PDB file of N, CA and C in Angstrom:
ATOM      1  N   MET A   1      91.029 109.174 115.008  1.00  0.00           N
ATOM      2  CA  MET A   1      90.929 110.227 115.982  1.00  0.00           C
ATOM      3  C   MET A   1      92.181 111.095 115.905  1.00  0.00           C
ATOM      4  N   SER A   2      92.012 112.383 115.757  1.00  0.00           N
ATOM      5  CA  SER A   2      93.167 113.256 115.581  1.00  0.00           C
ATOM      6  C   SER A   2      93.769 113.669 116.921  1.00  0.00           C
ATOM      7  N   ARG A   3      94.925 114.200 116.856  1.00  0.00           N
ATOM      8  CA  ARG A   3      95.632 114.671 118.043  1.00  0.00           C
ATOM      9  C   ARG A   3      95.033 116.016 118.472  1.00  0.00           C
ATOM     10  N   SER A   4      95.120 116.351 119.754  1.00  0.00           N
ATOM     11  CA  SER A   4      94.511 117.592 120.234  1.00  0.00           C
ATOM     12  C   SER A   4      95.225 118.807 119.644  1.00  0.00           C
ATOM     13  N   LEU A   5      94.491 119.886 119.454  1.00  0.00           N
ATOM     14  CA  LEU A   5      95.061 121.107 118.897  1.00  0.00           C
ATOM     15  C   LEU A   5      96.114 121.709 119.817  1.00  0.00           C
ATOM     16  N   LYS A   6      95.949 121.493 121.107  1.00  0.00           N
ATOM     17  CA  LYS A   6      96.904 122.013 122.083  1.00  0.00           C
ATOM     18  C   LYS A   6      98.289 121.397 121.869  1.00  0.00           C
ATOM     19  N   LYS A   7      98.323 120.103 121.568  1.00  0.00           N
ATOM     20  CA  LYS A   7      99.598 119.407 121.373  1.00  0.00           C
ATOM     21  C   LYS A   7     100.181 119.647 119.988  1.00  0.00           C
ATOM     22  N   GLY A   8      99.340 119.794 118.987  1.00  0.00           N
ATOM     23  CA  GLY A   8      99.821 119.970 117.628  1.00  0.00           C
ATOM     24  C   GLY A   8     100.100 118.627 116.974  1.00  0.00           C
ATOM     25  N   PRO A   9     100.454 118.629 115.682  1.00  0.00           N
ATOM     26  CA  PRO A   9     100.696 117.373 114.972  1.00  0.00           C
ATOM     27  C   PRO A   9     101.990 116.710 115.439  1.00  0.00           C
ATOM     28  N   TYR A  10     102.017 115.375 115.374  1.00  0.00           N
ATOM     29  CA  TYR A  10     103.225 114.642 115.749  1.00  0.00           C
ATOM     30  C   TYR A  10     104.180 114.612 114.567  1.00  0.00           C
ATOM     31  N   VAL A  11     105.372 115.135 114.767  1.00  0.00           N
ATOM     32  CA  VAL A  11     106.409 115.118 113.737  1.00  0.00           C
ATOM     33  C   VAL A  11     107.688 114.613 114.390  1.00  0.00           C
ATOM     34  N   ASN A  12     108.333 113.642 113.749  1.00  0.00           N
ATOM     35  CA  ASN A  12     109.567 113.080 114.271  1.00  0.00           C
ATOM     36  C   ASN A  12     110.693 114.102 114.083  1.00  0.00           C
ATOM     37  N   GLU A  13     111.220 114.625 115.178  1.00  0.00           N
ATOM     38  CA  GLU A  13     112.257 115.664 115.116  1.00  0.00           C
ATOM     39  C   GLU A  13     113.544 115.143 114.482  1.00  0.00           C
ATOM     40  N   ARG A  14     113.866 113.879 114.739  1.00  0.00           N
ATOM     41  CA  ARG A  14     115.082 113.295 114.167  1.00  0.00           C
ATOM     42  C   ARG A  14     114.986 113.220 112.646  1.00  0.00           C
ATOM     43  N   LEU A  15     113.808 112.865 112.135  1.00  0.00           N
ATOM     44  CA  LEU A  15     113.588 112.789 110.689  1.00  0.00           C
ATOM     45  C   LEU A  15     113.671 114.179 110.062  1.00  0.00           C
ATOM     46  N   LEU A  16     113.090 115.184 110.725  1.00  0.00           N
ATOM     47  CA  LEU A  16     113.156 116.554 110.213  1.00  0.00           C
ATOM     48  C   LEU A  16     114.597 117.058 110.157  1.00  0.00           C
ATOM     49  N   LYS A  17     115.384 116.716 111.176  1.00  0.00           N
ATOM     50  CA  LYS A  17     116.779 117.150 111.205  1.00  0.00           C
ATOM     51  C   LYS A  17     117.569 116.503 110.069  1.00  0.00           C
ATOM     52  N   ARG A  18     117.284 115.225 109.794  1.00  0.00           N
ATOM     53  CA  ARG A  18     117.962 114.530 108.694  1.00  0.00           C
ATOM     54  C   ARG A  18     117.575 115.132 107.349  1.00  0.00           C
ATOM     55  N   ILE A  19     116.315 115.562 107.197  1.00  0.00           N
ATOM     56  CA  ILE A  19     115.861 116.168 105.946  1.00  0.00           C
ATOM     57  C   ILE A  19     116.517 117.527 105.742  1.00  0.00           C
ATOM     58  N   LYS A  20     116.671 118.297 106.812  1.00  0.00           N
ATOM     59  CA  LYS A  20     117.291 119.625 106.702  1.00  0.00           C
ATOM     60  C   LYS A  20     118.759 119.529 106.309  1.00  0.00           C
ATOM     61  N   ASN A  21     119.415 118.420 106.640  1.00  0.00           N
ATOM     62  CA  ASN A  21     120.826 118.234 106.273  1.00  0.00           C
ATOM     63  C   ASN A  21     120.998 117.876 104.798  1.00  0.00           C
ATOM     64  N   LEU A  22     119.922 117.406 104.148  1.00  0.00           N
ATOM     65  CA  LEU A  22     119.994 117.065 102.726  1.00  0.00           C
ATOM     66  C   LEU A  22     119.794 118.302 101.866  1.00  0.00           C
ATOM     67  N   LYS A  23     120.350 118.248 100.658  1.00  0.00           N
ATOM     68  CA  LYS A  23     120.146 119.341  99.702  1.00  0.00           C
ATOM     69  C   LYS A  23     118.880 119.073  98.905  1.00  0.00           C
ATOM     70  N   THR A  24     118.248 120.119  98.399  1.00  0.00           N
ATOM     71  CA  THR A  24     117.033 119.976  97.606  1.00  0.00           C
ATOM     72  C   THR A  24     117.352 119.214  96.326  1.00  0.00           C
ATOM     73  N   GLY A  25     116.510 118.250  95.979  1.00  0.00           N
ATOM     74  CA  GLY A  25     116.723 117.446  94.773  1.00  0.00           C
ATOM     75  C   GLY A  25     117.622 116.244  95.004  1.00  0.00           C
ATOM     76  N   ASP A  26     118.051 116.016  96.236  1.00  0.00           N
ATOM     77  CA  ASP A  26     118.892 114.857  96.548  1.00  0.00           C
ATOM     78  C   ASP A  26     118.048 113.583  96.437  1.00  0.00           C
ATOM     79  N   ASN A  27     118.581 112.554  95.787  1.00  0.00           N
ATOM     80  CA  ASN A  27     117.834 111.317  95.553  1.00  0.00           C
ATOM     81  C   ASN A  27     117.998 110.298  96.669  1.00  0.00           C
ATOM     82  N   THR A  28     118.599 110.681  97.783  1.00  0.00           N
ATOM     83  CA  THR A  28     118.793 109.771  98.903  1.00  0.00           C
ATOM     84  C   THR A  28     117.453 109.396  99.518  1.00  0.00           C
ATOM     85  N   ILE A  29     117.278 108.101  99.794  1.00  0.00           N
ATOM     86  CA  ILE A  29     116.055 107.627 100.444  1.00  0.00           C
ATOM     87  C   ILE A  29     116.316 107.536 101.943  1.00  0.00           C
ATOM     88  N   LEU A  30     115.571 108.314 102.718  1.00  0.00           N
ATOM     89  CA  LEU A  30     115.696 108.285 104.176  1.00  0.00           C
ATOM     90  C   LEU A  30     114.767 107.215 104.728  1.00  0.00           C
ATOM     91  N   LYS A  31     115.327 106.197 105.363  1.00  0.00           N
ATOM     92  CA  LYS A  31     114.512 105.109 105.907  1.00  0.00           C
ATOM     93  C   LYS A  31     113.953 105.504 107.264  1.00  0.00           C
ATOM     94  N   THR A  32     112.670 105.174 107.474  1.00  0.00           N
ATOM     95  CA  THR A  32     112.040 105.443 108.758  1.00  0.00           C
ATOM     96  C   THR A  32     111.030 104.357 109.083  1.00  0.00           C
ATOM     97  N   TRP A  33     110.878 104.104 110.360  1.00  0.00           N
ATOM     98  CA  TRP A  33     109.868 103.162 110.844  1.00  0.00           C
ATOM     99  C   TRP A  33     108.684 103.924 111.432  1.00  0.00           C
ATOM    100  N   ASP A  34     108.747 105.235 111.408  1.00  0.00           N
ATOM    101  CA  ASP A  34     107.752 106.082 112.059  1.00  0.00           C
ATOM    102  C   ASP A  34     106.593 106.380 111.102  1.00  0.00           C
ATOM    103  N   ARG A  35     105.608 105.480 111.078  1.00  0.00           N
ATOM    104  CA  ARG A  35     104.465 105.624 110.177  1.00  0.00           C
ATOM    105  C   ARG A  35     103.479 106.678 110.674  1.00  0.00           C
ATOM    106  N   ALA A  36     103.521 107.009 111.968  1.00  0.00           N
ATOM    107  CA  ALA A  36     102.576 107.951 112.556  1.00  0.00           C
ATOM    108  C   ALA A  36     102.999 109.408 112.377  1.00  0.00           C
ATOM    109  N   CYS A  37     104.179 109.641 111.822  1.00  0.00           N
ATOM    110  CA  CYS A  37     104.701 110.991 111.640  1.00  0.00           C
ATOM    111  C   CYS A  37     103.877 111.745 110.594  1.00  0.00           C
ATOM    112  N   THR A  38     103.501 112.982 110.918  1.00  0.00           N
ATOM    113  CA  THR A  38     102.747 113.823 109.999  1.00  0.00           C
ATOM    114  C   THR A  38     103.699 114.448 108.975  1.00  0.00           C
ATOM    115  N   ILE A  39     103.263 114.532 107.725  1.00  0.00           N
ATOM    116  CA  ILE A  39     104.077 115.115 106.659  1.00  0.00           C
ATOM    117  C   ILE A  39     103.983 116.636 106.747  1.00  0.00           C
ATOM    118  N   THR A  40     105.139 117.303 106.760  1.00  0.00           N
ATOM    119  CA  THR A  40     105.215 118.762 106.853  1.00  0.00           C
ATOM    120  C   THR A  40     105.707 119.340 105.530  1.00  0.00           C
ATOM    121  N   PRO A  41     105.543 120.643 105.314  1.00  0.00           N
ATOM    122  CA  PRO A  41     106.017 121.257 104.065  1.00  0.00           C
ATOM    123  C   PRO A  41     107.526 121.130 103.839  1.00  0.00           C
ATOM    124  N   GLU A  42     108.306 120.960 104.911  1.00  0.00           N
ATOM    125  CA  GLU A  42     109.761 120.805 104.758  1.00  0.00           C
ATOM    126  C   GLU A  42     110.132 119.497 104.071  1.00  0.00           C
ATOM    127  N   MET A  43     109.227 118.514 104.105  1.00  0.00           N
ATOM    128  CA  MET A  43     109.504 117.197 103.533  1.00  0.00           C
ATOM    129  C   MET A  43     109.218 117.119 102.037  1.00  0.00           C
ATOM    130  N   VAL A  44     108.558 118.127 101.476  1.00  0.00           N
ATOM    131  CA  VAL A  44     108.161 118.092 100.065  1.00  0.00           C
ATOM    132  C   VAL A  44     109.403 118.046  99.177  1.00  0.00           C
ATOM    133  N   GLY A  45     109.387 117.118  98.219  1.00  0.00           N
ATOM    134  CA  GLY A  45     110.487 116.989  97.268  1.00  0.00           C
ATOM    135  C   GLY A  45     111.503 115.924  97.635  1.00  0.00           C
ATOM    136  N   PHE A  46     111.339 115.293  98.778  1.00  0.00           N
ATOM    137  CA  PHE A  46     112.272 114.251  99.211  1.00  0.00           C
ATOM    138  C   PHE A  46     111.598 112.888  99.153  1.00  0.00           C
ATOM    139  N   THR A  47     112.416 111.831  99.076  1.00  0.00           N
ATOM    140  CA  THR A  47     111.910 110.467  99.076  1.00  0.00           C
ATOM    141  C   THR A  47     112.199 109.847 100.436  1.00  0.00           C
ATOM    142  N   ILE A  48     111.156 109.323 101.054  1.00  0.00           N
ATOM    143  CA  ILE A  48     111.286 108.716 102.376  1.00  0.00           C
ATOM    144  C   ILE A  48     110.886 107.254 102.266  1.00  0.00           C
ATOM    145  N   GLY A  49     111.720 106.352 102.770  1.00  0.00           N
ATOM    146  CA  GLY A  49     111.423 104.923 102.784  1.00  0.00           C
ATOM    147  C   GLY A  49     110.625 104.589 104.037  1.00  0.00           C
ATOM    148  N   VAL A  50     109.330 104.357 103.882  1.00  0.00           N
ATOM    149  CA  VAL A  50     108.447 104.083 105.015  1.00  0.00           C
ATOM    150  C   VAL A  50     108.305 102.573 105.185  1.00  0.00           C
ATOM    151  N   HIS A  51     108.526 102.085 106.385  1.00  0.00           N
ATOM    152  CA  HIS A  51     108.475 100.648 106.654  1.00  0.00           C
ATOM    153  C   HIS A  51     107.039 100.162 106.679  1.00  0.00           C
ATOM    154  N   ASN A  52     106.757  99.073 105.944  1.00  0.00           N
ATOM    155  CA  ASN A  52     105.390  98.546 105.901  1.00  0.00           C
ATOM    156  C   ASN A  52     105.258  97.251 106.703  1.00  0.00           C
ATOM    157  N   GLY A  53     106.272  96.921 107.492  1.00  0.00           N
ATOM    158  CA  GLY A  53     106.257  95.697 108.279  1.00  0.00           C
ATOM    159  C   GLY A  53     107.188  94.655 107.719  1.00  0.00           C
ATOM    160  N   LYS A  54     107.567  94.804 106.452  1.00  0.00           N
ATOM    161  CA  LYS A  54     108.461  93.855 105.802  1.00  0.00           C
ATOM    162  C   LYS A  54     109.631  94.572 105.143  1.00  0.00           C
ATOM    163  N   THR A  55     109.344  95.595 104.357  1.00  0.00           N
ATOM    164  CA  THR A  55     110.377  96.341 103.633  1.00  0.00           C
ATOM    165  C   THR A  55     110.111  97.833 103.774  1.00  0.00           C
ATOM    166  N   HIS A  56     111.044  98.632 103.283  1.00  0.00           N
ATOM    167  CA  HIS A  56     110.854 100.082 103.239  1.00  0.00           C
ATOM    168  C   HIS A  56     110.326 100.452 101.854  1.00  0.00           C
ATOM    169  N   VAL A  57     109.149 101.055 101.813  1.00  0.00           N
ATOM    170  CA  VAL A  57     108.516 101.455 100.562  1.00  0.00           C
ATOM    171  C   VAL A  57     108.909 102.901 100.282  1.00  0.00           C
ATOM    172  N   PRO A  58     109.560 103.173  99.130  1.00  0.00           N
ATOM    173  CA  PRO A  58     109.932 104.562  98.831  1.00  0.00           C
ATOM    174  C   PRO A  58     108.696 105.403  98.520  1.00  0.00           C
ATOM    175  N   VAL A  59     108.553 106.522  99.229  1.00  0.00           N
ATOM    176  CA  VAL A  59     107.424 107.425  99.046  1.00  0.00           C
ATOM    177  C   VAL A  59     107.983 108.802  98.704  1.00  0.00           C
ATOM    178  N   PHE A  60     107.686 109.289  97.484  1.00  0.00           N
ATOM    179  CA  PHE A  60     108.104 110.633  97.083  1.00  0.00           C
ATOM    180  C   PHE A  60     107.053 111.618  97.582  1.00  0.00           C
ATOM    181  N   ILE A  61     107.468 112.578  98.387  1.00  0.00           N
ATOM    182  CA  ILE A  61     106.536 113.504  99.026  1.00  0.00           C
ATOM    183  C   ILE A  61     106.231 114.666  98.085  1.00  0.00           C
ATOM    184  N   VAL A  62     104.921 114.907  97.840  1.00  0.00           N
ATOM    185  CA  VAL A  62     104.467 116.038  97.030  1.00  0.00           C
ATOM    186  C   VAL A  62     103.573 116.928  97.898  1.00  0.00           C
ATOM    187  N   GLU A  63     103.197 118.085  97.375  1.00  0.00           N
ATOM    188  CA  GLU A  63     102.441 119.079  98.155  1.00  0.00           C
ATOM    189  C   GLU A  63     101.108 118.561  98.675  1.00  0.00           C
ATOM    190  N   ASN A  64     100.427 117.733  97.889  1.00  0.00           N
ATOM    191  CA  ASN A  64      99.107 117.248  98.302  1.00  0.00           C
ATOM    192  C   ASN A  64      99.157 116.342  99.524  1.00  0.00           C
ATOM    193  N   MET A  65     100.324 115.819  99.864  1.00  0.00           N
ATOM    194  CA  MET A  65     100.457 114.893 100.988  1.00  0.00           C
ATOM    195  C   MET A  65     100.618 115.608 102.331  1.00  0.00           C
ATOM    196  N   VAL A  66     100.846 116.918 102.325  1.00  0.00           N
ATOM    197  CA  VAL A  66     101.095 117.656 103.566  1.00  0.00           C
ATOM    198  C   VAL A  66      99.870 117.551 104.471  1.00  0.00           C
ATOM    199  N   GLY A  67     100.089 117.191 105.731  1.00  0.00           N
ATOM    200  CA  GLY A  67      99.007 117.030 106.693  1.00  0.00           C
ATOM    201  C   GLY A  67      98.603 115.585 106.892  1.00  0.00           C
ATOM    202  N   HIS A  68      98.975 114.702 105.960  1.00  0.00           N
ATOM    203  CA  HIS A  68      98.669 113.282 106.092  1.00  0.00           C
ATOM    204  C   HIS A  68      99.790 112.597 106.866  1.00  0.00           C
ATOM    205  N   LYS A  69      99.592 111.327 107.191  1.00  0.00           N
ATOM    206  CA  LYS A  69     100.607 110.541 107.899  1.00  0.00           C
ATOM    207  C   LYS A  69     101.435 109.758 106.879  1.00  0.00           C
ATOM    208  N   LEU A  70     102.689 109.458 107.226  1.00  0.00           N
ATOM    209  CA  LEU A  70     103.559 108.691 106.324  1.00  0.00           C
ATOM    210  C   LEU A  70     103.007 107.299 106.060  1.00  0.00           C
ATOM    211  N   GLY A  71     102.401 106.683 107.064  1.00  0.00           N
ATOM    212  CA  GLY A  71     101.893 105.324 106.943  1.00  0.00           C
ATOM    213  C   GLY A  71     100.766 105.171 105.943  1.00  0.00           C
ATOM    214  N   GLU A  72     100.092 106.260 105.578  1.00  0.00           N
ATOM    215  CA  GLU A  72      98.988 106.184 104.626  1.00  0.00           C
ATOM    216  C   GLU A  72      99.472 105.823 103.225  1.00  0.00           C
ATOM    217  N   PHE A  73     100.742 106.041 102.952  1.00  0.00           N
ATOM    218  CA  PHE A  73     101.268 105.852 101.608  1.00  0.00           C
ATOM    219  C   PHE A  73     102.133 104.603 101.471  1.00  0.00           C
ATOM    220  N   ALA A  74     102.236 103.816 102.529  1.00  0.00           N
ATOM    221  CA  ALA A  74     102.957 102.547 102.487  1.00  0.00           C
ATOM    222  C   ALA A  74     102.005 101.472 102.995  1.00  0.00           C
ATOM    223  N   LEU A  75     101.335 100.802 102.082  1.00  0.00           N
ATOM    224  CA  LEU A  75     100.312  99.824 102.448  1.00  0.00           C
ATOM    225  C   LEU A  75     100.941  98.605 103.114  1.00  0.00           C
ATOM    226  N   THR A  76     100.255  98.082 104.131  1.00  0.00           N
ATOM    227  CA  THR A  76     100.786  96.955 104.885  1.00  0.00           C
ATOM    228  C   THR A  76     100.222  95.623 104.420  1.00  0.00           C
ATOM    229  N   ARG A  77      99.138  95.665 103.665  1.00  0.00           N
ATOM    230  CA  ARG A  77      98.526  94.422 103.182  1.00  0.00           C
ATOM    231  C   ARG A  77      98.589  94.387 101.668  1.00  0.00           C
ATOM    232  N   LYS A  78      98.868  93.204 101.136  1.00  0.00           N
ATOM    233  CA  LYS A  78      99.022  93.039  99.695  1.00  0.00           C
ATOM    234  C   LYS A  78      97.858  92.207  99.172  1.00  0.00           C
ATOM    235  N   PHE A  79      97.054  92.792  98.281  1.00  0.00           N
ATOM    236  CA  PHE A  79      95.929  92.071  97.695  1.00  0.00           C
ATOM    237  C   PHE A  79      96.417  91.376  96.436  1.00  0.00           C
ATOM    238  N   ILE A  80      96.302  90.057  96.369  1.00  0.00           N
ATOM    239  CA  ILE A  80      96.715  89.309  95.194  1.00  0.00           C
ATOM    240  C   ILE A  80      95.563  89.307  94.196  1.00  0.00           C
ATOM    241  N   ARG A  81      94.560  88.496  94.441  1.00  0.00           N
ATOM    242  CA  ARG A  81      93.316  88.486  93.659  1.00  0.00           C
ATOM    243  C   ARG A  81      92.484  87.326  94.137  1.00  0.00           C
ATOM    244  N   HIS A  82      91.197  87.423  93.927  1.00  0.00           N
ATOM    245  CA  HIS A  82      90.319  86.332  94.297  1.00  0.00           C
ATOM    246  C   HIS A  82      90.435  85.238  93.249  1.00  0.00           C
ATOM    247  N   GLY A  83      90.403  84.004  93.698  1.00  0.00           N
ATOM    248  CA  GLY A  83      90.560  82.886  92.779  1.00  0.00           C
ATOM    249  C   GLY A  83      89.233  82.402  92.249  1.00  0.00           C
ATOM    250  N   GLY A  84      89.255  81.248  91.643  1.00  0.00           N
ATOM    251  CA  GLY A  84      88.031  80.631  91.162  1.00  0.00           C
ATOM    252  C   GLY A  84      87.977  80.562  89.652  1.00  0.00           C
ATOM    253  N   LYS A  85      86.968  79.858  89.174  1.00  0.00           N
ATOM    254  CA  LYS A  85      86.790  79.635  87.743  1.00  0.00           C
ATOM    255  C   LYS A  85      86.500  80.940  87.001  1.00  0.00           C
ATOM    256  N   MET A  86      85.681  81.800  87.604  1.00  0.00           N
ATOM    257  CA  MET A  86      85.294  83.055  86.961  1.00  0.00           C
ATOM    258  C   MET A  86      86.501  83.980  86.779  1.00  0.00           C
ATOM    259  N   ALA A  87      87.391  84.032  87.762  1.00  0.00           N
ATOM    260  CA  ALA A  87      88.578  84.876  87.679  1.00  0.00           C
ATOM    261  C   ALA A  87      89.513  84.388  86.575  1.00  0.00           C
ATOM    262  N   LYS A  88      89.647  83.084  86.423  1.00  0.00           N
ATOM    263  CA  LYS A  88      90.497  82.532  85.362  1.00  0.00           C
ATOM    264  C   LYS A  88      89.944  82.868  83.992  1.00  0.00           C
ATOM    265  N   ASN A  89      88.618  82.762  83.823  1.00  0.00           N
ATOM    266  CA  ASN A  89      88.001  83.088  82.539  1.00  0.00           C
ATOM    267  C   ASN A  89      88.174  84.562  82.191  1.00  0.00           C
ATOM    268  N   GLN A  90      88.038  85.442  83.166  1.00  0.00           N
ATOM    269  CA  GLN A  90      88.212  86.875  82.916  1.00  0.00           C
ATOM    270  C   GLN A  90      89.653  87.204  82.566  1.00  0.00           C
ATOM    271  N   GLN A  91      90.588  86.516  83.189  1.00  0.00           N
ATOM    272  CA  GLN A  91      91.996  86.760  82.899  1.00  0.00           C
ATOM    273  C   GLN A  91      92.335  86.343  81.476  1.00  0.00           C
ATOM    274  N   ARG A  92      91.798  85.202  81.031  1.00  0.00           N
ATOM    275  CA  ARG A  92      92.053  84.727  79.669  1.00  0.00           C
ATOM    276  C   ARG A  92      91.442  85.639  78.614  1.00  0.00           C
ATOM    277  N   SER A  93      90.210  86.118  78.877  1.00  0.00           N
ATOM    278  CA  SER A  93      89.519  86.930  77.890  1.00  0.00           C
ATOM    279  C   SER A  93      89.988  88.375  77.899  1.00  0.00           C
ATOM    280  N   GLY A  94      90.715  88.780  78.943  1.00  0.00           N
ATOM    281  CA  GLY A  94      91.279  90.130  78.990  1.00  0.00           C
ATOM    282  C   GLY A  94      90.321  91.168  79.552  1.00  0.00           C
ATOM    283  N   GLY A  95      89.444  90.797  80.430  1.00  0.00           N
ATOM    284  CA  GLY A  95      88.566  91.780  81.075  1.00  0.00           C
ATOM    285  C   GLY A  95      87.122  91.330  81.068  1.00  0.00           C
ATOM    286  N   LYS A  96      86.229  92.333  81.023  1.00  0.00           N
ATOM    287  CA  LYS A  96      84.788  92.033  81.079  1.00  0.00           C
ATOM    288  C   LYS A  96      84.279  91.576  79.727  1.00  0.00           C
ATOM    289  N   LYS A  97      83.182  90.800  79.772  1.00  0.00           N
ATOM    290  CA  LYS A  97      82.540  90.373  78.541  1.00  0.00           C
ATOM    291  C   LYS A  97      81.311  91.170  78.281  1.00  0.00           C
TER     292      LYS A  97
END
């Protein structure tokens, strides 16, 4: 469910201020816990460390990400793989038969 048009998108003002203090092309990773923050055009070209519940995942912001939330690019669940005899056989043979 999106935020109302009257209120506008949620953007963390503190994060925006920290980004404006950096120079373009700076490789500094800005750590944030704010996964609900909307990505704005000012953030393009910077790397933001988004917290996934355990660590900060570095996310390089590109133009296509504008309008999305930071949390969409730092997954919180890690899929290992399904086990079983069939999975072992596929791993040994290197894929599908």
